[in-house]
Amino acid sequence: MITLVQGVHPALLLFIATLLEAGGDALVRMGLFNHAGPLRFGIFALGAAALVAYGVVINLAPVDFGRVVGAYVALLFVTWQVITFLAFRSVPTVPIMMGGALIVGGGLIVTFWKAA
């Protein structure tokens, strides 16, 4: 499996990981609150598979995760908002947007600020 991702840019792997993490969480939420019976368990299984895939992809990315965690968290916030809108038709409120701006700004600082 590791050879499959050797040619993939690390930024793409991090983006795929954010899609899997936020998407897996959205599937679990849908299973909990929007469905019942066998369909609920099928949606849970899809969510669980996405979250396991997230764990695999994030650990296969050939990067020092401590160094890129800021960018990952910023990208995760943005991805989460897009998935929340697409899956639940929930528009971010002003407090979410303001907090998100702080998350994205902080993520960029953590990732790109070079210590002297």
Protein backbone atom coordinates (compact mmCIF):
# COMPACT_ATOMS: atom_id res chain seq x y z
CA MET A 1 0.00 0.00 0.00
CA ILE A 2 2.84 2.37 0.77
CA THR A 3 4.11 2.09 -2.81
CA LEU A 4 0.70 3.25 -4.07
CA VAL A 5 1.10 6.67 -2.45
CA GLN A 6 4.79 7.30 -3.04
CA GLY A 7 4.11 9.37 -6.15
CA VAL A 8 1.24 11.33 -4.60
CA HIS A 9 1.98 14.87 -3.41
CA PRO A 10 1.73 15.11 0.41
CA ALA A 11 -0.69 18.06 0.16
CA LEU A 12 -3.08 15.87 -1.83
CA LEU A 13 -2.85 13.13 0.80
CA LEU A 14 -3.64 15.67 3.53
CA PHE A 15 -6.62 16.94 1.53
CA ILE A 16 -7.89 13.37 1.02
CA ALA A 17 -7.47 12.77 4.75
CA THR A 18 -9.59 15.83 5.57
CA LEU A 19 -12.32 14.65 3.19
CA LEU A 20 -12.32 11.22 4.79
CA GLU A 21 -12.32 12.57 8.36
CA ALA A 22 -15.07 15.15 7.84
CA GLY A 23 -17.04 12.86 5.53
CA GLY A 24 -16.82 9.92 7.93
CA ASP A 25 -18.05 12.09 10.77
CA ALA A 26 -20.93 13.38 8.59
CA LEU A 27 -21.94 9.81 7.76
CA VAL A 28 -21.97 8.82 11.43
CA ARG A 29 -24.09 11.90 12.21
CA MET A 30 -26.51 11.00 9.41
CA GLY A 31 -26.76 7.46 10.72
CA LEU A 32 -27.48 8.68 14.24
CA PHE A 33 -30.07 11.30 13.46
CA ASN A 34 -31.52 10.76 9.98
CA HIS A 35 -32.00 7.02 9.57
CA ALA A 36 -33.21 3.92 11.38
CA GLY A 37 -33.01 0.16 11.09
CA PRO A 38 -30.64 -1.61 8.70
CA LEU A 39 -29.94 1.59 6.74
CA ARG A 40 -28.57 3.17 9.92
CA PHE A 41 -26.04 0.37 10.34
CA GLY A 42 -25.02 0.58 6.68
CA ILE A 43 -24.38 4.30 7.04
CA PHE A 44 -22.45 3.66 10.26
CA ALA A 45 -20.33 1.09 8.41
CA LEU A 46 -19.57 3.60 5.64
CA GLY A 47 -18.68 6.24 8.23
CA ALA A 48 -16.44 3.80 10.10
CA ALA A 49 -14.71 2.78 6.86
CA ALA A 50 -14.11 6.43 5.97
CA LEU A 51 -12.65 7.14 9.41
CA VAL A 52 -10.35 4.10 9.23
CA ALA A 53 -9.28 5.18 5.73
CA TYR A 54 -8.56 8.65 7.15
CA GLY A 55 -6.25 7.09 9.74
CA VAL A 56 -4.42 5.14 7.07
CA VAL A 57 -4.05 8.06 4.64
CA ILE A 58 -2.89 10.56 7.25
CA ASN A 59 -0.23 8.14 8.44
CA LEU A 60 0.93 7.31 4.92
CA ALA A 61 1.56 10.97 4.07
CA PRO A 62 5.37 11.35 3.97
CA VAL A 63 5.45 14.49 6.11
CA ASP A 64 6.41 15.43 9.63
CA PHE A 65 2.86 15.69 10.95
CA GLY A 66 3.97 17.98 13.78
CA ARG A 67 5.14 20.44 11.12
CA VAL A 68 2.00 20.43 8.99
CA VAL A 69 -0.61 19.99 11.71
CA GLY A 70 -1.49 23.69 11.51
CA ALA A 71 -2.23 23.49 7.81
CA TYR A 72 -4.12 20.24 8.36
CA VAL A 73 -6.37 21.77 11.03
CA ALA A 74 -7.03 24.84 8.86
CA LEU A 75 -7.86 22.64 5.86
CA LEU A 76 -10.00 20.40 8.05
CA PHE A 77 -12.04 23.37 9.26
CA VAL A 78 -12.72 24.54 5.69
CA THR A 79 -13.50 21.00 4.50
CA TRP A 80 -15.84 20.47 7.44
CA GLN A 81 -17.78 23.61 6.60
CA VAL A 82 -18.16 22.59 2.96
CA ILE A 83 -19.32 19.08 3.89
CA THR A 84 -21.67 20.46 6.54
CA PHE A 85 -23.23 22.72 3.93
CA LEU A 86 -23.50 19.99 1.28
CA ALA A 87 -24.73 17.23 3.60
CA PHE A 88 -26.89 19.18 6.03
CA ARG A 89 -27.59 22.48 4.21
CA SER A 90 -26.22 24.33 7.21
CA VAL A 91 -24.77 27.76 6.44
CA PRO A 92 -21.96 28.85 8.78
CA THR A 93 -22.93 31.60 11.19
CA VAL A 94 -20.89 34.73 11.79
CA PRO A 95 -19.32 33.28 14.99
CA ILE A 96 -18.32 30.14 13.06
CA MET A 97 -16.81 32.24 10.28
CA MET A 98 -14.94 34.47 12.76
CA GLY A 99 -13.67 31.49 14.73
CA GLY A 100 -12.79 29.78 11.47
CA ALA A 101 -10.74 32.78 10.41
CA LEU A 102 -8.78 32.42 13.65
CA ILE A 103 -8.34 28.68 13.05
CA VAL A 104 -7.13 29.21 9.49
CA GLY A 105 -4.87 32.10 10.51
CA GLY A 106 -3.45 30.12 13.39
CA GLY A 107 -2.92 27.10 11.18
CA LEU A 108 -0.97 29.18 8.70
CA ILE A 109 1.16 30.66 11.50
CA VAL A 110 1.93 27.20 12.94
CA THR A 111 2.83 25.83 9.53
CA PHE A 112 4.76 28.67 7.91
CA TRP A 113 6.30 30.79 10.68
CA LYS A 114 9.98 29.93 10.75
CA ALA A 115 11.56 30.15 14.19
CA ALA A 116 14.80 32.12 14.35
